[in-house]
PDB file of N, CA and C in Angstrom:
ATOM      1  N   UNK A   1      81.201  73.340  89.718  1.00  0.00           N
ATOM      2  CA  UNK A   1      81.651  74.733  89.871  1.00  0.00           C
ATOM      3  C   UNK A   1      82.284  75.078  91.081  1.00  0.00           C
ATOM      4  N   UNK A   2      83.407  75.821  91.011  1.00  0.00           N
ATOM      5  CA  UNK A   2      84.173  76.149  92.284  1.00  0.00           C
ATOM      6  C   UNK A   2      83.842  77.525  92.726  1.00  0.00           C
ATOM      7  N   UNK A   3      83.924  77.760  93.963  1.00  0.00           N
ATOM      8  CA  UNK A   3      83.756  79.059  94.546  1.00  0.00           C
ATOM      9  C   UNK A   3      85.056  79.889  94.464  1.00  0.00           C
ATOM     10  N   UNK A   4      85.015  81.085  93.930  1.00  0.00           N
ATOM     11  CA  UNK A   4      86.120  81.911  93.907  1.00  0.00           C
ATOM     12  C   UNK A   4      86.318  82.602  95.206  1.00  0.00           C
ATOM     13  N   UNK A   5      87.652  83.010  95.556  1.00  0.00           N
ATOM     14  CA  UNK A   5      87.790  83.877  96.675  1.00  0.00           C
ATOM     15  C   UNK A   5      87.147  85.310  96.437  1.00  0.00           C
ATOM     16  N   UNK A   6      86.842  85.929  97.601  1.00  0.00           N
ATOM     17  CA  UNK A   6      86.140  87.226  97.451  1.00  0.00           C
ATOM     18  C   UNK A   6      86.979  88.247  96.683  1.00  0.00           C
ATOM     19  N   UNK A   7      88.323  88.290  96.951  1.00  0.00           N
ATOM     20  CA  UNK A   7      89.109  89.277  96.301  1.00  0.00           C
ATOM     21  C   UNK A   7      89.168  89.075  94.849  1.00  0.00           C
ATOM     22  N   UNK A   8      89.266  87.805  94.363  1.00  0.00           N
ATOM     23  CA  UNK A   8      89.337  87.545  92.990  1.00  0.00           C
ATOM     24  C   UNK A   8      87.960  88.004  92.320  1.00  0.00           C
ATOM     25  N   UNK A   9      86.923  87.618  93.034  1.00  0.00           N
ATOM     26  CA  UNK A   9      85.589  87.950  92.495  1.00  0.00           C
ATOM     27  C   UNK A   9      85.431  89.453  92.349  1.00  0.00           C
ATOM     28  N   UNK A  10      85.950  90.138  93.466  1.00  0.00           N
ATOM     29  CA  UNK A  10      85.767  91.628  93.377  1.00  0.00           C
ATOM     30  C   UNK A  10      86.540  92.267  92.299  1.00  0.00           C
ATOM     31  N   UNK A  11      87.701  91.680  91.901  1.00  0.00           N
ATOM     32  CA  UNK A  11      88.501  92.211  90.842  1.00  0.00           C
ATOM     33  C   UNK A  11      87.785  91.993  89.507  1.00  0.00           C
ATOM     34  N   UNK A  12      87.145  90.812  89.318  1.00  0.00           N
ATOM     35  CA  UNK A  12      86.526  90.460  88.120  1.00  0.00           C
ATOM     36  C   UNK A  12      85.263  91.372  87.871  1.00  0.00           C
ATOM     37  N   UNK A  13      84.556  91.615  88.952  1.00  0.00           N
ATOM     38  CA  UNK A  13      83.305  92.349  88.804  1.00  0.00           C
ATOM     39  C   UNK A  13      83.616  93.852  88.901  1.00  0.00           C
ATOM     40  N   UNK A  14      84.791  94.288  89.251  1.00  0.00           N
ATOM     41  CA  UNK A  14      85.060  95.678  89.359  1.00  0.00           C
ATOM     42  C   UNK A  14      84.587  96.312  90.657  1.00  0.00           C
ATOM     43  N   UNK A  15      84.147  95.419  91.644  1.00  0.00           N
ATOM     44  CA  UNK A  15      83.820  95.877  92.968  1.00  0.00           C
ATOM     45  C   UNK A  15      84.959  96.311  93.821  1.00  0.00           C
ATOM     46  N   UNK A  16      84.844  97.302  94.570  1.00  0.00           N
ATOM     47  CA  UNK A  16      85.950  97.643  95.470  1.00  0.00           C
ATOM     48  C   UNK A  16      86.143  96.753  96.594  1.00  0.00           C
ATOM     49  N   UNK A  17      87.407  96.513  97.041  1.00  0.00           N
ATOM     50  CA  UNK A  17      87.514  95.404  98.200  1.00  0.00           C
ATOM     51  C   UNK A  17      86.939  96.028  99.500  1.00  0.00           C
ATOM     52  N   UNK A  18      86.628  95.158 100.310  1.00  0.00           N
ATOM     53  CA  UNK A  18      85.932  95.590 101.616  1.00  0.00           C
ATOM     54  C   UNK A  18      86.887  96.322 102.569  1.00  0.00           C
ATOM     55  N   UNK A  19      86.341  96.832 103.613  1.00  0.00           N
ATOM     56  CA  UNK A  19      87.173  97.626 104.568  1.00  0.00           C
ATOM     57  C   UNK A  19      88.060  96.732 105.345  1.00  0.00           C
ATOM     58  N   UNK A  20      87.691  95.481 105.639  1.00  0.00           N
ATOM     59  CA  UNK A  20      88.633  94.612 106.410  1.00  0.00           C
ATOM     60  C   UNK A  20      89.872  94.344 105.576  1.00  0.00           C
ATOM     61  N   UNK A  21      89.626  94.119 104.227  1.00  0.00           N
ATOM     62  CA  UNK A  21      90.843  93.840 103.388  1.00  0.00           C
ATOM     63  C   UNK A  21      91.744  95.030 103.278  1.00  0.00           C
ATOM     64  N   UNK A  22      91.184  96.209 103.145  1.00  0.00           N
ATOM     65  CA  UNK A  22      91.964  97.387 103.049  1.00  0.00           C
ATOM     66  C   UNK A  22      92.753  97.675 104.329  1.00  0.00           C
ATOM     67  N   UNK A  23      92.067  97.446 105.434  1.00  0.00           N
ATOM     68  CA  UNK A  23      92.717  97.532 106.801  1.00  0.00           C
ATOM     69  C   UNK A  23      93.910  96.615 106.955  1.00  0.00           C
ATOM     70  N   UNK A  24      93.696  95.327 106.527  1.00  0.00           N
ATOM     71  CA  UNK A  24      94.733  94.417 106.653  1.00  0.00           C
ATOM     72  C   UNK A  24      95.847  94.713 105.707  1.00  0.00           C
ATOM     73  N   UNK A  25      95.620  95.105 104.571  1.00  0.00           N
ATOM     74  CA  UNK A  25      96.673  95.534 103.564  1.00  0.00           C
ATOM     75  C   UNK A  25      97.429  96.710 104.152  1.00  0.00           C
ATOM     76  N   UNK A  26      96.753  97.615 104.697  1.00  0.00           N
ATOM     77  CA  UNK A  26      97.403  98.877 105.331  1.00  0.00           C
ATOM     78  C   UNK A  26      98.297  98.474 106.430  1.00  0.00           C
ATOM     79  N   UNK A  27      97.838  97.550 107.256  1.00  0.00           N
ATOM     80  CA  UNK A  27      98.714  97.122 108.452  1.00  0.00           C
ATOM     81  C   UNK A  27      99.881  96.336 107.945  1.00  0.00           C
ATOM     82  N   UNK A  28      99.709  95.570 106.954  1.00  0.00           N
ATOM     83  CA  UNK A  28     100.893  94.794 106.350  1.00  0.00           C
ATOM     84  C   UNK A  28     101.880  95.775 105.790  1.00  0.00           C
ATOM     85  N   UNK A  29     101.354  96.768 105.045  1.00  0.00           N
ATOM     86  CA  UNK A  29     102.351  97.779 104.549  1.00  0.00           C
ATOM     87  C   UNK A  29     103.042  98.507 105.644  1.00  0.00           C
ATOM     88  N   UNK A  30     102.324  98.888 106.668  1.00  0.00           N
ATOM     89  CA  UNK A  30     102.929  99.554 107.845  1.00  0.00           C
ATOM     90  C   UNK A  30     104.057  98.717 108.383  1.00  0.00           C
ATOM     91  N   UNK A  31     103.743  97.468 108.564  1.00  0.00           N
ATOM     92  CA  UNK A  31     104.791  96.531 109.211  1.00  0.00           C
ATOM     93  C   UNK A  31     106.006  96.442 108.261  1.00  0.00           C
ATOM     94  N   UNK A  32     105.842  96.363 107.019  1.00  0.00           N
ATOM     95  CA  UNK A  32     106.998  96.304 106.080  1.00  0.00           C
ATOM     96  C   UNK A  32     107.761  97.519 106.085  1.00  0.00           C
ATOM     97  N   UNK A  33     107.059  98.708 106.071  1.00  0.00           N
ATOM     98  CA  UNK A  33     107.886  99.978 106.057  1.00  0.00           C
ATOM     99  C   UNK A  33     108.487 100.294 107.413  1.00  0.00           C
ATOM    100  N   UNK A  34     107.936  99.877 108.542  1.00  0.00           N
ATOM    101  CA  UNK A  34     108.585 100.007 109.818  1.00  0.00           C
ATOM    102  C   UNK A  34     109.845  99.147 109.808  1.00  0.00           C
ATOM    103  N   UNK A  35     109.744  97.995 109.286  1.00  0.00           N
ATOM    104  CA  UNK A  35     110.907  97.151 109.255  1.00  0.00           C
ATOM    105  C   UNK A  35     112.051  97.610 108.355  1.00  0.00           C
ATOM    106  N   UNK A  36     111.677  98.287 107.398  1.00  0.00           N
ATOM    107  CA  UNK A  36     112.690  98.875 106.462  1.00  0.00           C
ATOM    108  C   UNK A  36     113.291 100.180 106.897  1.00  0.00           C
ATOM    109  N   UNK A  37     112.419 101.026 107.331  1.00  0.00           N
ATOM    110  CA  UNK A  37     112.895 102.444 107.628  1.00  0.00           C
ATOM    111  C   UNK A  37     113.788 102.596 108.777  1.00  0.00           C
ATOM    112  N   UNK A  38     113.528 101.750 109.832  1.00  0.00           N
ATOM    113  CA  UNK A  38     114.370 101.778 110.980  1.00  0.00           C
ATOM    114  C   UNK A  38     115.871 101.550 110.724  1.00  0.00           C
ATOM    115  N   UNK A  39     116.139 100.348 110.078  1.00  0.00           N
ATOM    116  CA  UNK A  39     117.521 100.091 109.705  1.00  0.00           C
ATOM    117  C   UNK A  39     118.119 101.030 108.812  1.00  0.00           C
ATOM    118  N   UNK A  40     117.284 101.443 107.711  1.00  0.00           N
ATOM    119  CA  UNK A  40     117.776 102.272 106.726  1.00  0.00           C
ATOM    120  C   UNK A  40     118.183 103.625 107.319  1.00  0.00           C
ATOM    121  N   UNK A  41     117.253 104.229 108.007  1.00  0.00           N
ATOM    122  CA  UNK A  41     117.569 105.584 108.619  1.00  0.00           C
ATOM    123  C   UNK A  41     118.775 105.584 109.536  1.00  0.00           C
ATOM    124  N   UNK A  42     119.039 104.525 110.329  1.00  0.00           N
ATOM    125  CA  UNK A  42     120.093 104.405 111.219  1.00  0.00           C
ATOM    126  C   UNK A  42     121.374 104.042 110.555  1.00  0.00           C
ATOM    127  N   UNK A  43     121.229 102.958 109.773  1.00  0.00           N
ATOM    128  CA  UNK A  43     122.470 102.361 109.240  1.00  0.00           C
ATOM    129  C   UNK A  43     123.084 103.197 108.062  1.00  0.00           C
ATOM    130  N   UNK A  44     122.181 103.701 107.306  1.00  0.00           N
ATOM    131  CA  UNK A  44     122.753 104.478 106.056  1.00  0.00           C
ATOM    132  C   UNK A  44     123.401 105.711 106.656  1.00  0.00           C
ATOM    133  N   UNK A  45     122.937 106.413 107.597  1.00  0.00           N
ATOM    134  CA  UNK A  45     123.501 107.647 108.138  1.00  0.00           C
ATOM    135  C   UNK A  45     124.808 107.292 108.735  1.00  0.00           C
ATOM    136  N   UNK A  46     124.879 106.252 109.503  1.00  0.00           N
ATOM    137  CA  UNK A  46     126.182 105.847 110.164  1.00  0.00           C
ATOM    138  C   UNK A  46     127.246 105.431 109.047  1.00  0.00           C
ATOM    139  N   UNK A  47     126.823 104.728 108.023  1.00  0.00           N
ATOM    140  CA  UNK A  47     127.766 104.366 107.000  1.00  0.00           C
ATOM    141  C   UNK A  47     128.187 105.562 106.272  1.00  0.00           C
ATOM    142  N   UNK A  48     127.396 106.499 105.997  1.00  0.00           N
ATOM    143  CA  UNK A  48     127.704 107.821 105.256  1.00  0.00           C
ATOM    144  C   UNK A  48     128.762 108.504 106.117  1.00  0.00           C
ATOM    145  N   UNK A  49     128.477 108.561 107.391  1.00  0.00           N
ATOM    146  CA  UNK A  49     129.496 109.258 108.274  1.00  0.00           C
ATOM    147  C   UNK A  49     130.848 108.559 108.314  1.00  0.00           C
ATOM    148  N   UNK A  50     130.912 107.187 108.266  1.00  0.00           N
ATOM    149  CA  UNK A  50     132.154 106.526 108.256  1.00  0.00           C
ATOM    150  C   UNK A  50     132.919 106.647 106.914  1.00  0.00           C
ATOM    151  N   UNK A  51     132.099 106.694 105.853  1.00  0.00           N
ATOM    152  CA  UNK A  51     132.727 106.907 104.470  1.00  0.00           C
ATOM    153  C   UNK A  51     133.299 108.302 104.293  1.00  0.00           C
ATOM    154  N   UNK A  52     132.423 109.219 104.583  1.00  0.00           N
ATOM    155  CA  UNK A  52     132.841 110.696 104.359  1.00  0.00           C
ATOM    156  C   UNK A  52     132.414 111.491 105.558  1.00  0.00           C
ATOM    157  N   UNK A  53     133.243 111.496 106.565  1.00  0.00           N
ATOM    158  CA  UNK A  53     132.862 112.183 107.841  1.00  0.00           C
ATOM    159  C   UNK A  53     132.598 113.710 107.663  1.00  0.00           C
ATOM    160  N   UNK A  54     133.194 114.388 106.720  1.00  0.00           N
ATOM    161  CA  UNK A  54     133.037 115.828 106.555  1.00  0.00           C
ATOM    162  C   UNK A  54     131.856 116.058 105.597  1.00  0.00           C
ATOM    163  N   UNK A  55     131.348 115.124 104.914  1.00  0.00           N
ATOM    164  CA  UNK A  55     130.291 115.293 103.943  1.00  0.00           C
ATOM    165  C   UNK A  55     129.128 114.229 104.181  1.00  0.00           C
ATOM    166  N   UNK A  56     128.788 114.008 105.339  1.00  0.00           N
ATOM    167  CA  UNK A  56     127.823 112.981 105.701  1.00  0.00           C
ATOM    168  C   UNK A  56     126.484 113.279 105.040  1.00  0.00           C
ATOM    169  N   UNK A  57     125.975 114.397 105.225  1.00  0.00           N
ATOM    170  CA  UNK A  57     124.706 114.844 104.683  1.00  0.00           C
ATOM    171  C   UNK A  57     124.625 114.656 103.058  1.00  0.00           C
ATOM    172  N   UNK A  58     125.760 115.131 102.455  1.00  0.00           N
ATOM    173  CA  UNK A  58     125.685 115.126 100.978  1.00  0.00           C
ATOM    174  C   UNK A  58     125.744 113.552 100.507  1.00  0.00           C
ATOM    175  N   UNK A  59     126.548 112.806 101.173  1.00  0.00           N
ATOM    176  CA  UNK A  59     126.700 111.348 100.820  1.00  0.00           C
ATOM    177  C   UNK A  59     125.338 110.650 101.042  1.00  0.00           C
ATOM    178  N   UNK A  60     124.603 110.986 102.151  1.00  0.00           N
ATOM    179  CA  UNK A  60     123.351 110.344 102.388  1.00  0.00           C
ATOM    180  C   UNK A  60     122.356 110.862 101.422  1.00  0.00           C
ATOM    181  N   UNK A  61     122.323 112.092 101.020  1.00  0.00           N
ATOM    182  CA  UNK A  61     121.442 112.524  99.975  1.00  0.00           C
ATOM    183  C   UNK A  61     121.710 111.990  98.669  1.00  0.00           C
ATOM    184  N   UNK A  62     122.978 111.775  98.329  1.00  0.00           N
ATOM    185  CA  UNK A  62     123.294 111.080  97.089  1.00  0.00           C
ATOM    186  C   UNK A  62     122.887 109.644  96.976  1.00  0.00           C
ATOM    187  N   UNK A  63     123.075 108.989  98.084  1.00  0.00           N
ATOM    188  CA  UNK A  63     122.673 107.455  98.093  1.00  0.00           C
ATOM    189  C   UNK A  63     121.187 107.411  98.112  1.00  0.00           C
ATOM    190  N   UNK A  64     120.499 108.180  98.834  1.00  0.00           N
ATOM    191  CA  UNK A  64     118.997 108.068  98.817  1.00  0.00           C
ATOM    192  C   UNK A  64     118.467 108.562  97.510  1.00  0.00           C
ATOM    193  N   UNK A  65     119.032 109.560  96.893  1.00  0.00           N
ATOM    194  CA  UNK A  65     118.506 110.132  95.619  1.00  0.00           C
ATOM    195  C   UNK A  65     118.807 109.102  94.544  1.00  0.00           C
ATOM    196  N   UNK A  66     119.914 108.444  94.538  1.00  0.00           N
ATOM    197  CA  UNK A  66     120.159 107.435  93.464  1.00  0.00           C
ATOM    198  C   UNK A  66     119.211 106.183  93.724  1.00  0.00           C
ATOM    199  N   UNK A  67     118.945 105.826  94.999  1.00  0.00           N
ATOM    200  CA  UNK A  67     118.014 104.857  95.251  1.00  0.00           C
ATOM    201  C   UNK A  67     116.590 105.110  94.757  1.00  0.00           C
ATOM    202  N   UNK A  68     116.180 106.297  94.900  1.00  0.00           N
ATOM    203  CA  UNK A  68     114.814 106.752  94.471  1.00  0.00           C
ATOM    204  C   UNK A  68     114.839 106.768  92.883  1.00  0.00           C
ATOM    205  N   UNK A  69     115.848 107.192  92.237  1.00  0.00           N
ATOM    206  CA  UNK A  69     115.928 107.207  90.750  1.00  0.00           C
ATOM    207  C   UNK A  69     115.953 105.710  90.265  1.00  0.00           C
ATOM    208  N   UNK A  70     116.614 104.853  90.843  1.00  0.00           N
ATOM    209  CA  UNK A  70     116.617 103.400  90.404  1.00  0.00           C
ATOM    210  C   UNK A  70     115.203 102.904  90.629  1.00  0.00           C
ATOM    211  N   UNK A  71     114.600 103.213  91.698  1.00  0.00           N
ATOM    212  CA  UNK A  71     113.250 102.699  92.040  1.00  0.00           C
ATOM    213  C   UNK A  71     112.251 103.237  90.985  1.00  0.00           C
ATOM    214  N   UNK A  72     112.390 104.421  90.605  1.00  0.00           N
ATOM    215  CA  UNK A  72     111.451 104.918  89.544  1.00  0.00           C
ATOM    216  C   UNK A  72     111.485 104.180  88.276  1.00  0.00           C
ATOM    217  N   UNK A  73     112.615 103.701  87.979  1.00  0.00           N
ATOM    218  CA  UNK A  73     112.747 102.845  86.653  1.00  0.00           C
ATOM    219  C   UNK A  73     112.447 101.433  86.977  1.00  0.00           C
ATOM    220  N   UNK A  74     113.018 100.882  88.025  1.00  0.00           N
ATOM    221  CA  UNK A  74     112.892  99.434  88.300  1.00  0.00           C
ATOM    222  C   UNK A  74     111.499  98.996  88.645  1.00  0.00           C
ATOM    223  N   UNK A  75     110.669  99.794  89.405  1.00  0.00           N
ATOM    224  CA  UNK A  75     109.395  99.361  89.757  1.00  0.00           C
ATOM    225  C   UNK A  75     108.406  99.138  88.457  1.00  0.00           C
ATOM    226  N   UNK A  76     108.350 100.014  87.620  1.00  0.00           N
ATOM    227  CA  UNK A  76     107.526  99.758  86.421  1.00  0.00           C
ATOM    228  C   UNK A  76     108.124  98.608  85.539  1.00  0.00           C
ATOM    229  N   UNK A  77     109.383  98.596  85.437  1.00  0.00           N
ATOM    230  CA  UNK A  77     109.993  97.438  84.597  1.00  0.00           C
ATOM    231  C   UNK A  77     109.645  96.087  85.184  1.00  0.00           C
ATOM    232  N   UNK A  78     109.892  95.931  86.580  1.00  0.00           N
ATOM    233  CA  UNK A  78     109.620  94.722  87.172  1.00  0.00           C
ATOM    234  C   UNK A  78     108.136  94.336  87.290  1.00  0.00           C
ATOM    235  N   UNK A  79     107.352  95.427  87.376  1.00  0.00           N
ATOM    236  CA  UNK A  79     105.910  95.250  87.301  1.00  0.00           C
ATOM    237  C   UNK A  79     105.436  94.745  85.963  1.00  0.00           C
ATOM    238  N   UNK A  80     106.011  95.270  84.862  1.00  0.00           N
ATOM    239  CA  UNK A  80     105.670  94.751  83.593  1.00  0.00           C
ATOM    240  C   UNK A  80     106.169  93.317  83.377  1.00  0.00           C
ATOM    241  N   UNK A  81     107.281  93.051  83.873  1.00  0.00           N
ATOM    242  CA  UNK A  81     107.858  91.660  83.683  1.00  0.00           C
ATOM    243  C   UNK A  81     106.989  90.603  84.526  1.00  0.00           C
ATOM    244  N   UNK A  82     106.504  91.019  85.721  1.00  0.00           N
ATOM    245  CA  UNK A  82     105.693  90.165  86.552  1.00  0.00           C
ATOM    246  C   UNK A  82     104.341  89.962  85.864  1.00  0.00           C
ATOM    247  N   UNK A  83     103.813  90.893  85.097  1.00  0.00           N
ATOM    248  CA  UNK A  83     102.562  90.773  84.377  1.00  0.00           C
ATOM    249  C   UNK A  83     102.783  89.711  83.328  1.00  0.00           C
ATOM    250  N   UNK A  84     103.842  89.592  82.742  1.00  0.00           N
ATOM    251  CA  UNK A  84     104.106  88.580  81.626  1.00  0.00           C
ATOM    252  C   UNK A  84     104.726  87.298  82.169  1.00  0.00           C
ATOM    253  N   UNK A  85     104.894  87.100  83.448  1.00  0.00           N
ATOM    254  CA  UNK A  85     105.440  85.880  83.963  1.00  0.00           C
ATOM    255  C   UNK A  85     104.415  84.710  83.888  1.00  0.00           C
ATOM    256  N   UNK A  86     104.856  83.593  83.436  1.00  0.00           N
ATOM    257  CA  UNK A  86     103.957  82.467  83.313  1.00  0.00           C
ATOM    258  C   UNK A  86     104.451  81.241  84.083  1.00  0.00           C
ATOM    259  N   UNK A  87     104.883  81.527  85.343  1.00  0.00           N
ATOM    260  CA  UNK A  87     105.402  80.458  86.244  1.00  0.00           C
ATOM    261  C   UNK A  87     104.264  79.611  86.646  1.00  0.00           C
ATOM    262  N   UNK A  88     104.597  78.273  86.965  1.00  0.00           N
ATOM    263  CA  UNK A  88     103.623  77.305  87.526  1.00  0.00           C
ATOM    264  C   UNK A  88     102.940  77.768  88.774  1.00  0.00           C
ATOM    265  N   UNK A  89     103.660  78.474  89.591  1.00  0.00           N
ATOM    266  CA  UNK A  89     103.248  78.936  90.941  1.00  0.00           C
ATOM    267  C   UNK A  89     102.507  80.259  90.883  1.00  0.00           C
ATOM    268  N   UNK A  90     102.410  80.894  89.682  1.00  0.00           N
ATOM    269  CA  UNK A  90     101.699  82.149  89.611  1.00  0.00           C
ATOM    270  C   UNK A  90     102.506  83.255  88.933  1.00  0.00           C
ATOM    271  N   UNK A  91     101.956  84.369  88.643  1.00  0.00           N
ATOM    272  CA  UNK A  91     102.753  85.414  88.083  1.00  0.00           C
ATOM    273  C   UNK A  91     103.587  86.249  89.118  1.00  0.00           C
ATOM    274  N   UNK A  92     103.075  86.341  90.336  1.00  0.00           N
ATOM    275  CA  UNK A  92     103.672  87.256  91.271  1.00  0.00           C
ATOM    276  C   UNK A  92     104.654  86.486  92.337  1.00  0.00           C
ATOM    277  N   UNK A  93     104.343  85.282  92.612  1.00  0.00           N
ATOM    278  CA  UNK A  93     105.105  84.538  93.651  1.00  0.00           C
ATOM    279  C   UNK A  93     106.613  84.500  93.323  1.00  0.00           C
ATOM    280  N   UNK A  94     107.039  84.232  92.074  1.00  0.00           N
ATOM    281  CA  UNK A  94     108.554  84.283  91.928  1.00  0.00           C
ATOM    282  C   UNK A  94     109.140  85.659  92.160  1.00  0.00           C
ATOM    283  N   UNK A  95     108.407  86.661  91.826  1.00  0.00           N
ATOM    284  CA  UNK A  95     108.891  87.997  92.074  1.00  0.00           C
ATOM    285  C   UNK A  95     108.930  88.402  93.510  1.00  0.00           C
ATOM    286  N   UNK A  96     107.892  87.998  94.221  1.00  0.00           N
ATOM    287  CA  UNK A  96     107.899  88.211  95.638  1.00  0.00           C
ATOM    288  C   UNK A  96     109.018  87.539  96.368  1.00  0.00           C
ATOM    289  N   UNK A  97     109.199  86.271  96.061  1.00  0.00           N
ATOM    290  CA  UNK A  97     110.284  85.560  96.607  1.00  0.00           C
ATOM    291  C   UNK A  97     111.664  86.153  96.387  1.00  0.00           C
ATOM    292  N   UNK A  98     111.891  86.575  95.078  1.00  0.00           N
ATOM    293  CA  UNK A  98     113.176  87.241  94.801  1.00  0.00           C
ATOM    294  C   UNK A  98     113.261  88.531  95.404  1.00  0.00           C
ATOM    295  N   UNK A  99     112.148  89.289  95.603  1.00  0.00           N
ATOM    296  CA  UNK A  99     112.186  90.544  96.326  1.00  0.00           C
ATOM    297  C   UNK A  99     112.533  90.372  97.833  1.00  0.00           C
ATOM    298  N   UNK A 100     111.999  89.370  98.400  1.00  0.00           N
ATOM    299  CA  UNK A 100     112.230  89.125  99.825  1.00  0.00           C
ATOM    300  C   UNK A 100     113.689  88.771  99.951  1.00  0.00           C
ATOM    301  N   UNK A 101     114.191  87.791  99.171  1.00  0.00           N
ATOM    302  CA  UNK A 101     115.585  87.398  99.134  1.00  0.00           C
ATOM    303  C   UNK A 101     116.568  88.602  98.948  1.00  0.00           C
ATOM    304  N   UNK A 102     116.226  89.367  97.930  1.00  0.00           N
ATOM    305  CA  UNK A 102     117.110  90.551  97.706  1.00  0.00           C
ATOM    306  C   UNK A 102     117.039  91.636  98.795  1.00  0.00           C
ATOM    307  N   UNK A 103     115.846  91.814  99.379  1.00  0.00           N
ATOM    308  CA  UNK A 103     115.748  92.708 100.446  1.00  0.00           C
ATOM    309  C   UNK A 103     116.428  92.313 101.730  1.00  0.00           C
ATOM    310  N   UNK A 104     116.314  91.053 102.039  1.00  0.00           N
ATOM    311  CA  UNK A 104     116.987  90.444 103.229  1.00  0.00           C
ATOM    312  C   UNK A 104     118.592  90.516 103.002  1.00  0.00           C
ATOM    313  N   UNK A 105     119.012  90.246 101.795  1.00  0.00           N
ATOM    314  CA  UNK A 105     120.458  90.385 101.495  1.00  0.00           C
ATOM    315  C   UNK A 105     120.933  91.855 101.712  1.00  0.00           C
ATOM    316  N   UNK A 106     120.108  92.704 101.150  1.00  0.00           N
ATOM    317  CA  UNK A 106     120.429  94.113 101.378  1.00  0.00           C
ATOM    318  C   UNK A 106     120.575  94.544 102.691  1.00  0.00           C
ATOM    319  N   UNK A 107     119.664  94.100 103.643  1.00  0.00           N
ATOM    320  CA  UNK A 107     119.703  94.506 105.060  1.00  0.00           C
ATOM    321  C   UNK A 107     120.976  93.839 105.619  1.00  0.00           C
ATOM    322  N   UNK A 108     121.296  92.631 105.329  1.00  0.00           N
ATOM    323  CA  UNK A 108     122.476  91.978 105.795  1.00  0.00           C
ATOM    324  C   UNK A 108     123.784  92.778 105.383  1.00  0.00           C
ATOM    325  N   UNK A 109     123.805  93.297 104.105  1.00  0.00           N
ATOM    326  CA  UNK A 109     124.907  94.105 103.632  1.00  0.00           C
ATOM    327  C   UNK A 109     125.050  95.286 104.440  1.00  0.00           C
ATOM    328  N   UNK A 110     123.816  96.002 104.705  1.00  0.00           N
ATOM    329  CA  UNK A 110     123.861  97.271 105.555  1.00  0.00           C
ATOM    330  C   UNK A 110     124.430  96.964 106.870  1.00  0.00           C
TER     331      UNK A 110
END
């Protein structure tokens, strides 16, 4: 008999994760968002100003609104696809790798 990791055992038994796990997840999310929002807030505003100097705010609003709309559709779709993934490395790893690659490419394009 093999020992299961605590997080997997907690999911199976329906127990809530511990405070250390939640704290670590919160710090990881904070790091990800700090890494994303800095470049996005600065670079998108500058690019909107270069593309349409007289309508910078409208262009920025359009781009961020379209991004939010795409995200509202894409997140559930890719979540459902990852639930059905049967890769040898696991259900989530291929999607995480693709997301990291796509996110890095997006930042390079910005």
